[in-house]
C-alpha atoms as a PDB file:
ATOM      1  CA  UNK A   1     101.273  54.235 141.963  1.00  0.00           C
ATOM      2  CA  UNK A   2      98.411  56.820 142.687  1.00  0.00           C
ATOM      3  CA  UNK A   3      98.563  59.895 140.657  1.00  0.00           C
ATOM      4  CA  UNK A   4      99.879  63.045 141.790  1.00  0.00           C
ATOM      5  CA  UNK A   5      96.659  64.632 142.959  1.00  0.00           C
ATOM      6  CA  UNK A   6      95.195  61.859 144.500  1.00  0.00           C
ATOM      7  CA  UNK A   7      98.422  61.509 147.015  1.00  0.00           C
ATOM      8  CA  UNK A   8      97.498  62.837 150.731  1.00  0.00           C
ATOM      9  CA  UNK A   9      93.498  62.199 149.333  1.00  0.00           C
ATOM     10  CA  UNK A  10      91.963  59.671 152.075  1.00  0.00           C
ATOM     11  CA  UNK A  11      90.929  56.155 150.021  1.00  0.00           C
ATOM     12  CA  UNK A  12      87.019  56.483 150.738  1.00  0.00           C
ATOM     13  CA  UNK A  13      87.125  59.846 148.423  1.00  0.00           C
ATOM     14  CA  UNK A  14      89.278  58.754 145.500  1.00  0.00           C
ATOM     15  CA  UNK A  15      85.838  57.440 143.460  1.00  0.00           C
ATOM     16  CA  UNK A  16      84.247  61.072 144.398  1.00  0.00           C
ATOM     17  CA  UNK A  17      87.797  62.438 143.186  1.00  0.00           C
ATOM     18  CA  UNK A  18      87.344  60.858 139.826  1.00  0.00           C
ATOM     19  CA  UNK A  19      83.974  61.919 139.152  1.00  0.00           C
ATOM     20  CA  UNK A  20      84.418  65.157 139.894  1.00  0.00           C
ATOM     21  CA  UNK A  21      88.096  65.491 138.028  1.00  0.00           C
ATOM     22  CA  UNK A  22      88.378  63.017 135.372  1.00  0.00           C
ATOM     23  CA  UNK A  23      86.502  65.069 132.856  1.00  0.00           C
ATOM     24  CA  UNK A  24      87.880  68.594 132.281  1.00  0.00           C
ATOM     25  CA  UNK A  25      85.997  71.440 130.847  1.00  0.00           C
ATOM     26  CA  UNK A  26      85.863  71.599 126.645  1.00  0.00           C
ATOM     27  CA  UNK A  27      87.708  75.216 127.430  1.00  0.00           C
ATOM     28  CA  UNK A  28      90.689  73.777 128.863  1.00  0.00           C
ATOM     29  CA  UNK A  29      91.086  71.693 126.155  1.00  0.00           C
ATOM     30  CA  UNK A  30      90.833  74.422 123.812  1.00  0.00           C
ATOM     31  CA  UNK A  31      93.601  76.477 125.212  1.00  0.00           C
ATOM     32  CA  UNK A  32      95.821  73.457 125.684  1.00  0.00           C
ATOM     33  CA  UNK A  33      95.283  72.801 121.623  1.00  0.00           C
ATOM     34  CA  UNK A  34      95.975  76.098 121.019  1.00  0.00           C
ATOM     35  CA  UNK A  35      99.360  76.399 123.209  1.00  0.00           C
ATOM     36  CA  UNK A  36     100.381  73.088 121.392  1.00  0.00           C
ATOM     37  CA  UNK A  37      99.513  74.299 118.096  1.00  0.00           C
ATOM     38  CA  UNK A  38     101.462  77.482 118.610  1.00  0.00           C
ATOM     39  CA  UNK A  39     104.422  76.309 120.414  1.00  0.00           C
ATOM     40  CA  UNK A  40     104.250  78.933 123.420  1.00  0.00           C
ATOM     41  CA  UNK A  41     102.243  80.750 125.666  1.00  0.00           C
ATOM     42  CA  UNK A  42     102.840  83.972 124.667  1.00  0.00           C
ATOM     43  CA  UNK A  43     101.746  83.088 120.968  1.00  0.00           C
ATOM     44  CA  UNK A  44      98.296  81.411 122.081  1.00  0.00           C
ATOM     45  CA  UNK A  45      97.765  84.479 124.523  1.00  0.00           C
ATOM     46  CA  UNK A  46      98.000  86.741 121.593  1.00  0.00           C
ATOM     47  CA  UNK A  47      95.401  84.677 119.516  1.00  0.00           C
ATOM     48  CA  UNK A  48      93.201  83.523 122.466  1.00  0.00           C
ATOM     49  CA  UNK A  49      92.800  87.329 123.745  1.00  0.00           C
ATOM     50  CA  UNK A  50      93.774  85.652 127.317  1.00  0.00           C
ATOM     51  CA  UNK A  51      97.080  86.606 129.534  1.00  0.00           C
ATOM     52  CA  UNK A  52      99.744  84.395 129.615  1.00  0.00           C
ATOM     53  CA  UNK A  53      99.522  83.866 133.396  1.00  0.00           C
ATOM     54  CA  UNK A  54      95.708  82.859 132.792  1.00  0.00           C
ATOM     55  CA  UNK A  55      96.692  80.636 130.291  1.00  0.00           C
ATOM     56  CA  UNK A  56      99.168  79.026 132.274  1.00  0.00           C
ATOM     57  CA  UNK A  57      96.931  78.582 134.881  1.00  0.00           C
ATOM     58  CA  UNK A  58      94.226  76.614 133.109  1.00  0.00           C
ATOM     59  CA  UNK A  59      96.762  74.397 131.630  1.00  0.00           C
ATOM     60  CA  UNK A  60      98.610  73.613 135.388  1.00  0.00           C
ATOM     61  CA  UNK A  61      94.786  72.835 136.352  1.00  0.00           C
ATOM     62  CA  UNK A  62      94.274  70.841 133.342  1.00  0.00           C
ATOM     63  CA  UNK A  63      97.614  68.516 134.223  1.00  0.00           C
ATOM     64  CA  UNK A  64      96.431  68.250 137.425  1.00  0.00           C
ATOM     65  CA  UNK A  65      93.200  67.009 136.797  1.00  0.00           C
ATOM     66  CA  UNK A  66      94.217  64.423 134.058  1.00  0.00           C
ATOM     67  CA  UNK A  67      97.212  63.434 136.311  1.00  0.00           C
ATOM     68  CA  UNK A  68      99.819  63.897 133.213  1.00  0.00           C
ATOM     69  CA  UNK A  69     102.246  66.912 132.323  1.00  0.00           C
ATOM     70  CA  UNK A  70     101.153  67.823 129.147  1.00  0.00           C
ATOM     71  CA  UNK A  71     104.258  70.231 128.460  1.00  0.00           C
ATOM     72  CA  UNK A  72     107.417  70.700 128.790  1.00  0.00           C
ATOM     73  CA  UNK A  73     109.204  74.342 129.270  1.00  0.00           C
ATOM     74  CA  UNK A  74     111.762  75.574 127.084  1.00  0.00           C
ATOM     75  CA  UNK A  75     113.457  78.923 126.325  1.00  0.00           C
ATOM     76  CA  UNK A  76     112.225  79.122 122.994  1.00  0.00           C
ATOM     77  CA  UNK A  77     108.690  78.083 124.048  1.00  0.00           C
ATOM     78  CA  UNK A  78     107.046  74.459 125.186  1.00  0.00           C
ATOM     79  CA  UNK A  79     106.676  71.298 123.725  1.00  0.00           C
ATOM     80  CA  UNK A  80     104.270  68.701 124.021  1.00  0.00           C
ATOM     81  CA  UNK A  81     105.697  65.759 126.124  1.00  0.00           C
ATOM     82  CA  UNK A  82     104.597  61.783 125.046  1.00  0.00           C
ATOM     83  CA  UNK A  83     101.240  61.917 126.652  1.00  0.00           C
ATOM     84  CA  UNK A  84     100.289  65.456 126.075  1.00  0.00           C
ATOM     85  CA  UNK A  85     101.251  64.486 122.145  1.00  0.00           C
ATOM     86  CA  UNK A  86      98.463  61.516 122.834  1.00  0.00           C
ATOM     87  CA  UNK A  87      95.591  63.646 124.112  1.00  0.00           C
ATOM     88  CA  UNK A  88      96.519  66.434 121.321  1.00  0.00           C
ATOM     89  CA  UNK A  89      95.009  63.996 118.859  1.00  0.00           C
ATOM     90  CA  UNK A  90      92.291  62.884 120.804  1.00  0.00           C
ATOM     91  CA  UNK A  91      91.203  66.225 121.611  1.00  0.00           C
ATOM     92  CA  UNK A  92      91.978  67.556 117.906  1.00  0.00           C
ATOM     93  CA  UNK A  93      89.680  64.502 116.970  1.00  0.00           C
ATOM     94  CA  UNK A  94      86.648  66.412 119.520  1.00  0.00           C
ATOM     95  CA  UNK A  95      87.309  69.516 118.336  1.00  0.00           C
ATOM     96  CA  UNK A  96      87.054  68.199 114.381  1.00  0.00           C
ATOM     97  CA  UNK A  97      83.445  66.871 115.255  1.00  0.00           C
ATOM     98  CA  UNK A  98      82.125  69.996 117.239  1.00  0.00           C
ATOM     99  CA  UNK A  99      82.638  71.832 114.319  1.00  0.00           C
ATOM    100  CA  UNK A 100      81.228  69.569 112.013  1.00  0.00           C
ATOM    101  CA  UNK A 101      78.157  69.864 114.371  1.00  0.00           C
ATOM    102  CA  UNK A 102      78.258  73.283 114.151  1.00  0.00           C
ATOM    103  CA  UNK A 103      78.428  73.712 110.464  1.00  0.00           C
ATOM    104  CA  UNK A 104      75.462  70.761 110.503  1.00  0.00           C
ATOM    105  CA  UNK A 105      73.475  73.335 112.291  1.00  0.00           C
ATOM    106  CA  UNK A 106      74.256  75.920 110.033  1.00  0.00           C
ATOM    107  CA  UNK A 107      72.669  74.342 107.038  1.00  0.00           C
ATOM    108  CA  UNK A 108      69.362  74.234 108.614  1.00  0.00           C
ATOM    109  CA  UNK A 109      69.723  77.983 109.474  1.00  0.00           C
ATOM    110  CA  UNK A 110      67.051  80.109 107.596  1.00  0.00           C
ATOM    111  CA  UNK A 111      68.617  80.934 104.065  1.00  0.00           C
ATOM    112  CA  UNK A 112      69.344  84.690 104.842  1.00  0.00           C
ATOM    113  CA  UNK A 113      69.530  85.066 108.114  1.00  0.00           C
ATOM    114  CA  UNK A 114      71.959  84.861 110.703  1.00  0.00           C
ATOM    115  CA  UNK A 115      76.018  85.701 111.096  1.00  0.00           C
ATOM    116  CA  UNK A 116      78.508  85.458 108.069  1.00  0.00           C
ATOM    117  CA  UNK A 117      82.000  86.215 109.425  1.00  0.00           C
ATOM    118  CA  UNK A 118      84.503  86.952 107.222  1.00  0.00           C
ATOM    119  CA  UNK A 119      88.280  87.320 107.632  1.00  0.00           C
ATOM    120  CA  UNK A 120      90.278  89.744 105.402  1.00  0.00           C
ATOM    121  CA  UNK A 121      93.866  91.108 105.665  1.00  0.00           C
ATOM    122  CA  UNK A 122      93.735  94.726 107.099  1.00  0.00           C
ATOM    123  CA  UNK A 123      94.254  96.661 103.937  1.00  0.00           C
ATOM    124  CA  UNK A 124      91.962  95.120 101.777  1.00  0.00           C
ATOM    125  CA  UNK A 125      89.072  94.498 104.422  1.00  0.00           C
ATOM    126  CA  UNK A 126      89.645  98.713 105.373  1.00  0.00           C
ATOM    127  CA  UNK A 127      89.954 100.057 101.911  1.00  0.00           C
ATOM    128  CA  UNK A 128      88.755  97.895  99.587  1.00  0.00           C
ATOM    129  CA  UNK A 129      85.883  95.433 101.016  1.00  0.00           C
ATOM    130  CA  UNK A 130      84.282  97.661 103.893  1.00  0.00           C
ATOM    131  CA  UNK A 131      82.987 100.316 101.612  1.00  0.00           C
ATOM    132  CA  UNK A 132      81.470  97.357  99.295  1.00  0.00           C
ATOM    133  CA  UNK A 133      80.247  95.201 102.552  1.00  0.00           C
ATOM    134  CA  UNK A 134      77.501  98.455 102.798  1.00  0.00           C
ATOM    135  CA  UNK A 135      75.929  97.281  99.970  1.00  0.00           C
ATOM    136  CA  UNK A 136      75.840  93.599 100.530  1.00  0.00           C
ATOM    137  CA  UNK A 137      74.288  94.247 103.907  1.00  0.00           C
ATOM    138  CA  UNK A 138      71.513  96.406 102.312  1.00  0.00           C
ATOM    139  CA  UNK A 139      70.636  93.557 100.168  1.00  0.00           C
ATOM    140  CA  UNK A 140      70.712  91.342 102.916  1.00  0.00           C
ATOM    141  CA  UNK A 141      69.229  93.288 106.100  1.00  0.00           C
ATOM    142  CA  UNK A 142      68.939  90.212 107.984  1.00  0.00           C
ATOM    143  CA  UNK A 143      72.383  89.044 107.704  1.00  0.00           C
ATOM    144  CA  UNK A 144      74.859  90.239 110.574  1.00  0.00           C
ATOM    145  CA  UNK A 145      78.690  90.596 108.456  1.00  0.00           C
ATOM    146  CA  UNK A 146      81.284  90.244 111.186  1.00  0.00           C
ATOM    147  CA  UNK A 147      84.173  91.233 109.054  1.00  0.00           C
ATOM    148  CA  UNK A 148      87.483  90.489 110.996  1.00  0.00           C
ATOM    149  CA  UNK A 149      90.679  92.668 109.397  1.00  0.00           C
ATOM    150  CA  UNK A 150      94.127  91.402 110.782  1.00  0.00           C
ATOM    151  CA  UNK A 151      97.515  90.799 109.666  1.00  0.00           C
ATOM    152  CA  UNK A 152      97.206  86.867 110.511  1.00  0.00           C
ATOM    153  CA  UNK A 153      95.470  84.721 108.318  1.00  0.00           C
ATOM    154  CA  UNK A 154      92.436  83.067 109.644  1.00  0.00           C
ATOM    155  CA  UNK A 155      91.634  78.872 109.763  1.00  0.00           C
ATOM    156  CA  UNK A 156      88.506  78.650 108.680  1.00  0.00           C
ATOM    157  CA  UNK A 157      88.861  74.817 109.442  1.00  0.00           C
ATOM    158  CA  UNK A 158      88.883  75.474 113.126  1.00  0.00           C
ATOM    159  CA  UNK A 159      85.754  77.972 112.294  1.00  0.00           C
ATOM    160  CA  UNK A 160      87.832  81.008 113.040  1.00  0.00           C
ATOM    161  CA  UNK A 161      85.816  82.817 110.017  1.00  0.00           C
ATOM    162  CA  UNK A 162      83.419  81.229 107.465  1.00  0.00           C
ATOM    163  CA  UNK A 163      85.708  82.634 104.892  1.00  0.00           C
ATOM    164  CA  UNK A 164      89.384  83.841 104.522  1.00  0.00           C
ATOM    165  CA  UNK A 165      90.878  86.226 101.933  1.00  0.00           C
ATOM    166  CA  UNK A 166      94.233  86.639 102.262  1.00  0.00           C
ATOM    167  CA  UNK A 167      97.793  86.747 100.593  1.00  0.00           C
ATOM    168  CA  UNK A 168      99.432  83.651 101.376  1.00  0.00           C
ATOM    169  CA  UNK A 169      98.096  80.555  99.723  1.00  0.00           C
ATOM    170  CA  UNK A 170      96.736  78.043 101.959  1.00  0.00           C
ATOM    171  CA  UNK A 171      98.739  74.751 102.205  1.00  0.00           C
ATOM    172  CA  UNK A 172      95.716  72.211 103.701  1.00  0.00           C
ATOM    173  CA  UNK A 173      94.144  69.516 101.093  1.00  0.00           C
ATOM    174  CA  UNK A 174      91.111  70.069 103.444  1.00  0.00           C
ATOM    175  CA  UNK A 175      90.306  73.424 102.527  1.00  0.00           C
ATOM    176  CA  UNK A 176      89.012  74.759  99.160  1.00  0.00           C
ATOM    177  CA  UNK A 177      91.298  77.462  97.670  1.00  0.00           C
ATOM    178  CA  UNK A 178      90.146  80.284  94.871  1.00  0.00           C
ATOM    179  CA  UNK A 179      92.643  82.717  93.281  1.00  0.00           C
ATOM    180  CA  UNK A 180      90.595  85.902  93.560  1.00  0.00           C
ATOM    181  CA  UNK A 181      93.023  88.689  92.108  1.00  0.00           C
ATOM    182  CA  UNK A 182      96.516  89.902  91.499  1.00  0.00           C
ATOM    183  CA  UNK A 183      97.516  92.878  93.831  1.00  0.00           C
ATOM    184  CA  UNK A 184     100.284  95.481  92.197  1.00  0.00           C
ATOM    185  CA  UNK A 185     102.148  97.337  94.309  1.00  0.00           C
ATOM    186  CA  UNK A 186     104.894 100.026  93.629  1.00  0.00           C
ATOM    187  CA  UNK A 187     106.287 102.889  95.466  1.00  0.00           C
ATOM    188  CA  UNK A 188     104.598 106.096  96.105  1.00  0.00           C
ATOM    189  CA  UNK A 189     105.298 108.615  98.412  1.00  0.00           C
ATOM    190  CA  UNK A 190     103.157 112.116  99.239  1.00  0.00           C
ATOM    191  CA  UNK A 191     103.461 115.259  97.578  1.00  0.00           C
ATOM    192  CA  UNK A 192     105.204 117.393 100.766  1.00  0.00           C
ATOM    193  CA  UNK A 193     108.109 114.320 100.507  1.00  0.00           C
ATOM    194  CA  UNK A 194     108.513 115.380  96.797  1.00  0.00           C
ATOM    195  CA  UNK A 195     108.586 118.983  97.437  1.00  0.00           C
ATOM    196  CA  UNK A 196     110.878 118.559  99.973  1.00  0.00           C
ATOM    197  CA  UNK A 197     113.205 115.591  98.758  1.00  0.00           C
ATOM    198  CA  UNK A 198     112.401 115.562  95.153  1.00  0.00           C
ATOM    199  CA  UNK A 199     111.858 111.774  93.049  1.00  0.00           C
ATOM    200  CA  UNK A 200     114.934 109.454  93.045  1.00  0.00           C
ATOM    201  CA  UNK A 201     115.321 108.192  89.269  1.00  0.00           C
ATOM    202  CA  UNK A 202     117.670 105.273  90.562  1.00  0.00           C
ATOM    203  CA  UNK A 203     118.077 103.190  92.619  1.00  0.00           C
ATOM    204  CA  UNK A 204     120.975 104.328  94.179  1.00  0.00           C
ATOM    205  CA  UNK A 205     119.360 107.619  94.792  1.00  0.00           C
ATOM    206  CA  UNK A 206     116.781 105.943  96.787  1.00  0.00           C
ATOM    207  CA  UNK A 207     119.424 104.278  98.900  1.00  0.00           C
ATOM    208  CA  UNK A 208     121.699 107.012  99.638  1.00  0.00           C
ATOM    209  CA  UNK A 209     119.458 109.943  99.818  1.00  0.00           C
ATOM    210  CA  UNK A 210     115.976 108.723 100.279  1.00  0.00           C
ATOM    211  CA  UNK A 211     113.731 107.596 103.330  1.00  0.00           C
ATOM    212  CA  UNK A 212     111.042 104.819 103.203  1.00  0.00           C
ATOM    213  CA  UNK A 213     108.326 103.380 105.122  1.00  0.00           C
ATOM    214  CA  UNK A 214     107.646  99.664 105.559  1.00  0.00           C
ATOM    215  CA  UNK A 215     104.483  97.370 106.612  1.00  0.00           C
ATOM    216  CA  UNK A 216     105.963  94.321 107.860  1.00  0.00           C
ATOM    217  CA  UNK A 217     103.078  91.752 108.691  1.00  0.00           C
ATOM    218  CA  UNK A 218     102.886  87.917 108.053  1.00  0.00           C
ATOM    219  CA  UNK A 219     101.133  88.294 104.987  1.00  0.00           C
ATOM    220  CA  UNK A 220     103.048  91.582 103.297  1.00  0.00           C
ATOM    221  CA  UNK A 221     106.396  89.893 102.811  1.00  0.00           C
ATOM    222  CA  UNK A 222     108.297  93.176 103.048  1.00  0.00           C
ATOM    223  CA  UNK A 223     110.821  92.233 105.372  1.00  0.00           C
ATOM    224  CA  UNK A 224     111.901  89.447 103.159  1.00  0.00           C
ATOM    225  CA  UNK A 225     111.859  91.630 100.188  1.00  0.00           C
ATOM    226  CA  UNK A 226     114.046  94.439 102.061  1.00  0.00           C
ATOM    227  CA  UNK A 227     116.764  91.750 103.100  1.00  0.00           C
ATOM    228  CA  UNK A 228     116.613  90.744  99.619  1.00  0.00           C
ATOM    229  CA  UNK A 229     116.968  94.340  98.281  1.00  0.00           C
ATOM    230  CA  UNK A 230     118.947  95.705 100.527  1.00  0.00           C
ATOM    231  CA  UNK A 231     120.626  93.250 102.617  1.00  0.00           C
ATOM    232  CA  UNK A 232     123.963  95.713 103.613  1.00  0.00           C
ATOM    233  CA  UNK A 233     121.726  98.695 104.453  1.00  0.00           C
ATOM    234  CA  UNK A 234     120.673  99.200 108.341  1.00  0.00           C
ATOM    235  CA  UNK A 235     117.105 100.324 108.844  1.00  0.00           C
ATOM    236  CA  UNK A 236     118.175 102.625 111.113  1.00  0.00           C
ATOM    237  CA  UNK A 237     118.988 105.825 109.359  1.00  0.00           C
ATOM    238  CA  UNK A 238     116.873 104.287 106.011  1.00  0.00           C
ATOM    239  CA  UNK A 239     113.375 103.364 106.939  1.00  0.00           C
ATOM    240  CA  UNK A 240     111.697 106.232 108.739  1.00  0.00           C
ATOM    241  CA  UNK A 241     108.591 104.032 109.919  1.00  0.00           C
ATOM    242  CA  UNK A 242     108.198 100.653 110.369  1.00  0.00           C
ATOM    243  CA  UNK A 243     104.343  99.559 110.887  1.00  0.00           C
ATOM    244  CA  UNK A 244     102.251  96.393 110.764  1.00  0.00           C
ATOM    245  CA  UNK A 245      98.689  97.618 109.569  1.00  0.00           C
ATOM    246  CA  UNK A 246      97.839  98.862 106.012  1.00  0.00           C
ATOM    247  CA  UNK A 247      95.914 102.178 106.886  1.00  0.00           C
ATOM    248  CA  UNK A 248      99.158 103.348 109.180  1.00  0.00           C
ATOM    249  CA  UNK A 249     101.209 102.737 106.602  1.00  0.00           C
ATOM    250  CA  UNK A 250      99.256 104.558 103.955  1.00  0.00           C
ATOM    251  CA  UNK A 251      98.803 107.347 105.914  1.00  0.00           C
ATOM    252  CA  UNK A 252     102.188 107.797 106.950  1.00  0.00           C
ATOM    253  CA  UNK A 253     103.339 107.837 102.992  1.00  0.00           C
ATOM    254  CA  UNK A 254     100.431 110.398 102.428  1.00  0.00           C
ATOM    255  CA  UNK A 255     101.740 112.721 105.617  1.00  0.00           C
ATOM    256  CA  UNK A 256     105.238 112.854 103.262  1.00  0.00           C
ATOM    257  CA  UNK A 257     107.080 110.440 105.915  1.00  0.00           C
ATOM    258  CA  UNK A 258     108.698 108.480 103.140  1.00  0.00           C
ATOM    259  CA  UNK A 259     108.610 106.545 100.245  1.00  0.00           C
ATOM    260  CA  UNK A 260     106.573 103.152 100.578  1.00  0.00           C
ATOM    261  CA  UNK A 261     104.904 100.617  98.744  1.00  0.00           C
ATOM    262  CA  UNK A 262     100.777 100.427  98.128  1.00  0.00           C
ATOM    263  CA  UNK A 263      98.570  98.645  95.636  1.00  0.00           C
ATOM    264  CA  UNK A 264      97.945 100.416  92.431  1.00  0.00           C
ATOM    265  CA  UNK A 265      94.708 101.797  93.251  1.00  0.00           C
ATOM    266  CA  UNK A 266      95.484 103.961  96.202  1.00  0.00           C
ATOM    267  CA  UNK A 267      95.805 106.859  94.445  1.00  0.00           C
ATOM    268  CA  UNK A 268      91.735 106.975  94.085  1.00  0.00           C
ATOM    269  CA  UNK A 269      92.064 107.315  98.146  1.00  0.00           C
ATOM    270  CA  UNK A 270      94.400 109.861  98.708  1.00  0.00           C
ATOM    271  CA  UNK A 271      94.873 112.253  96.124  1.00  0.00           C
ATOM    272  CA  UNK A 272      98.298 113.536  97.020  1.00  0.00           C
ATOM    273  CA  UNK A 273     100.238 110.572  96.577  1.00  0.00           C
ATOM    274  CA  UNK A 274     102.410 110.240  93.514  1.00  0.00           C
ATOM    275  CA  UNK A 275     103.956 106.956  92.145  1.00  0.00           C
ATOM    276  CA  UNK A 276     107.644 106.870  91.940  1.00  0.00           C
ATOM    277  CA  UNK A 277     109.093 105.149  88.474  1.00  0.00           C
ATOM    278  CA  UNK A 278     111.483 102.746  90.043  1.00  0.00           C
ATOM    279  CA  UNK A 279     111.691  99.430  89.122  1.00  0.00           C
ATOM    280  CA  UNK A 280     110.552  98.318  92.365  1.00  0.00           C
ATOM    281  CA  UNK A 281     107.096  96.582  91.580  1.00  0.00           C
ATOM    282  CA  UNK A 282     105.889  93.591  93.488  1.00  0.00           C
ATOM    283  CA  UNK A 283     102.805  90.934  92.767  1.00  0.00           C
ATOM    284  CA  UNK A 284     100.934  89.275  95.883  1.00  0.00           C
ATOM    285  CA  UNK A 285      98.116  86.811  94.469  1.00  0.00           C
ATOM    286  CA  UNK A 286      94.713  87.634  96.749  1.00  0.00           C
ATOM    287  CA  UNK A 287      93.505  83.932  97.687  1.00  0.00           C
ATOM    288  CA  UNK A 288      89.649  83.298  98.827  1.00  0.00           C
ATOM    289  CA  UNK A 289      89.412  79.813 101.412  1.00  0.00           C
ATOM    290  CA  UNK A 290      86.628  78.081 102.659  1.00  0.00           C
ATOM    291  CA  UNK A 291      85.340  74.807 104.458  1.00  0.00           C
ATOM    292  CA  UNK A 292      84.181  73.024 101.603  1.00  0.00           C
ATOM    293  CA  UNK A 293      81.224  72.601 103.515  1.00  0.00           C
ATOM    294  CA  UNK A 294      80.607  76.265 103.399  1.00  0.00           C
ATOM    295  CA  UNK A 295      78.801  76.328 100.250  1.00  0.00           C
ATOM    296  CA  UNK A 296      75.801  74.473 101.451  1.00  0.00           C
ATOM    297  CA  UNK A 297      75.189  77.229 103.934  1.00  0.00           C
ATOM    298  CA  UNK A 298      73.222  80.154 101.473  1.00  0.00           C
ATOM    299  CA  UNK A 299      74.102  82.875 103.572  1.00  0.00           C
ATOM    300  CA  UNK A 300      78.201  81.959 103.404  1.00  0.00           C
ATOM    301  CA  UNK A 301      77.452  80.681  99.580  1.00  0.00           C
ATOM    302  CA  UNK A 302      76.025  84.130  99.003  1.00  0.00           C
ATOM    303  CA  UNK A 303      78.817  85.951 100.699  1.00  0.00           C
ATOM    304  CA  UNK A 304      81.356  83.707  98.746  1.00  0.00           C
ATOM    305  CA  UNK A 305      79.844  84.482  95.406  1.00  0.00           C
ATOM    306  CA  UNK A 306      80.036  88.240  96.321  1.00  0.00           C
ATOM    307  CA  UNK A 307      83.849  88.157  97.325  1.00  0.00           C
ATOM    308  CA  UNK A 308      84.607  86.699  94.044  1.00  0.00           C
ATOM    309  CA  UNK A 309      82.745  89.609  92.402  1.00  0.00           C
ATOM    310  CA  UNK A 310      84.316  91.963  94.506  1.00  0.00           C
ATOM    311  CA  UNK A 311      87.694  91.012  93.035  1.00  0.00           C
ATOM    312  CA  UNK A 312      86.451  90.426  89.425  1.00  0.00           C
ATOM    313  CA  UNK A 313      89.469  91.774  87.413  1.00  0.00           C
ATOM    314  CA  UNK A 314      87.453  92.504  84.107  1.00  0.00           C
ATOM    315  CA  UNK A 315      85.540  95.004  86.308  1.00  0.00           C
ATOM    316  CA  UNK A 316      88.411  96.311  88.296  1.00  0.00           C
ATOM    317  CA  UNK A 317      91.431  96.253  85.918  1.00  0.00           C
ATOM    318  CA  UNK A 318      94.125  96.775  88.691  1.00  0.00           C
ATOM    319  CA  UNK A 319      93.370  93.297  89.869  1.00  0.00           C
ATOM    320  CA  UNK A 320      94.259  91.771  86.738  1.00  0.00           C
ATOM    321  CA  UNK A 321      97.411  89.578  86.441  1.00  0.00           C
ATOM    322  CA  UNK A 322      99.161  92.161  83.922  1.00  0.00           C
ATOM    323  CA  UNK A 323     100.604  95.258  85.441  1.00  0.00           C
ATOM    324  CA  UNK A 324      98.666  98.512  84.623  1.00  0.00           C
ATOM    325  CA  UNK A 325      99.975 101.931  85.529  1.00  0.00           C
ATOM    326  CA  UNK A 326      97.870 103.953  87.984  1.00  0.00           C
ATOM    327  CA  UNK A 327      97.549 106.769  85.305  1.00  0.00           C
ATOM    328  CA  UNK A 328      96.344 104.220  82.889  1.00  0.00           C
ATOM    329  CA  UNK A 329      93.799 102.847  85.673  1.00  0.00           C
ATOM    330  CA  UNK A 330      90.967 105.629  84.533  1.00  0.00           C
ATOM    331  CA  UNK A 331      91.541 104.423  80.661  1.00  0.00           C
ATOM    332  CA  UNK A 332      90.938 100.915  81.363  1.00  0.00           C
ATOM    333  CA  UNK A 333      87.718 100.904  83.911  1.00  0.00           C
ATOM    334  CA  UNK A 334      84.632 101.224  82.641  1.00  0.00           C
ATOM    335  CA  UNK A 335      82.757 101.830  85.394  1.00  0.00           C
ATOM    336  CA  UNK A 336      81.433 104.748  87.797  1.00  0.00           C
ATOM    337  CA  UNK A 337      84.210 107.140  88.309  1.00  0.00           C
ATOM    338  CA  UNK A 338      87.005 105.588  90.566  1.00  0.00           C
ATOM    339  CA  UNK A 339      86.594 108.082  92.978  1.00  0.00           C
ATOM    340  CA  UNK A 340      83.293 106.871  94.146  1.00  0.00           C
ATOM    341  CA  UNK A 341      84.596 103.483  94.730  1.00  0.00           C
ATOM    342  CA  UNK A 342      86.414 105.201  97.781  1.00  0.00           C
ATOM    343  CA  UNK A 343      83.645 107.750  98.678  1.00  0.00           C
ATOM    344  CA  UNK A 344      83.849 108.868 102.259  1.00  0.00           C
ATOM    345  CA  UNK A 345      87.963 108.251 102.736  1.00  0.00           C
ATOM    346  CA  UNK A 346      89.951 111.269 103.393  1.00  0.00           C
ATOM    347  CA  UNK A 347      91.158 113.382 100.703  1.00  0.00           C
ATOM    348  CA  UNK A 348      90.385 113.668  97.378  1.00  0.00           C
ATOM    349  CA  UNK A 349      90.607 111.070  94.467  1.00  0.00           C
ATOM    350  CA  UNK A 350      91.406 110.790  90.716  1.00  0.00           C
ATOM    351  CA  UNK A 351      88.601 111.833  88.494  1.00  0.00           C
ATOM    352  CA  UNK A 352      87.510 110.105  85.192  1.00  0.00           C
ATOM    353  CA  UNK A 353      90.214 111.447  83.108  1.00  0.00           C
ATOM    354  CA  UNK A 354      92.999 110.029  85.828  1.00  0.00           C
ATOM    355  CA  UNK A 355      93.493 113.613  87.156  1.00  0.00           C
ATOM    356  CA  UNK A 356      93.647 114.560  90.856  1.00  0.00           C
ATOM    357  CA  UNK A 357      90.376 116.018  91.766  1.00  0.00           C
ATOM    358  CA  UNK A 358      90.462 119.111  94.603  1.00  0.00           C
ATOM    359  CA  UNK A 359      94.051 119.254  94.315  1.00  0.00           C
END
């Protein structure tokens, strides 16, 4: 039987049709791979930055050109058909080879010229790495640093970034993985919140008489922590604000919306944030991941070395494995005043003696 798309087409035109339609463009296969990986048009749409309808049209066109059905639609997403699974594996091989070609090209590029792409969690990217990257770029003025701050991890195997800094440990054996640091998180409140509602002394006081704010995203795990600590407490009435990004989370705490969890170095960014002495401290390891070939590209190698130094626990005690209270950090830190590390952010920081400046 002739493929669906040939029905009604004169026999004399079949060869012409094959030549024009048997080789769909690679961009259509790229979309197909993303939809298949994520199992839904909605998730693929968010990743690719295209509308759901646009992706559906491209998949329909690809199915028409190939003469097969690639997906079956279900209420919870899509699944590849048997034919779709075979095409997925073939397209995956082509994608890997295409990425290998790009990496080979990059290895021949001038040593310290070009673009280097760094993916990082939104909080660490905004508050820790962005201020340091200015010095890195001044040292290498011919480099364009593409900093992507996101709540989801980047796929470095698929060249979404040259290197990724994330809070979830990658499991793919084809990746190089380095533990950079340990991020310590504890509850904080803005001074205005404490002036209004006082400071909770026990967990029972916290749950009965206070409000909290949560940052919930793929990498923070705070939703799971909440479910474990307060399984019987509805969020409505207890959680004042829930957001997916670190900057909104920080400023909501600083402005007195509620008690929330922040890295221990945060008082240097927003002076009128006060640590809350409750036994609710959490740790998150910080991971650097990159493709093994990345170290053979000079500009990426330089970025990787710089990242390792930027999270060096011996230089920055808040990244050590052991917990150090925010009030004790100035005594452990041997560099310039901590506030200088965050110069330019709104609010005063803590000075060399650990006191709040300009309060």
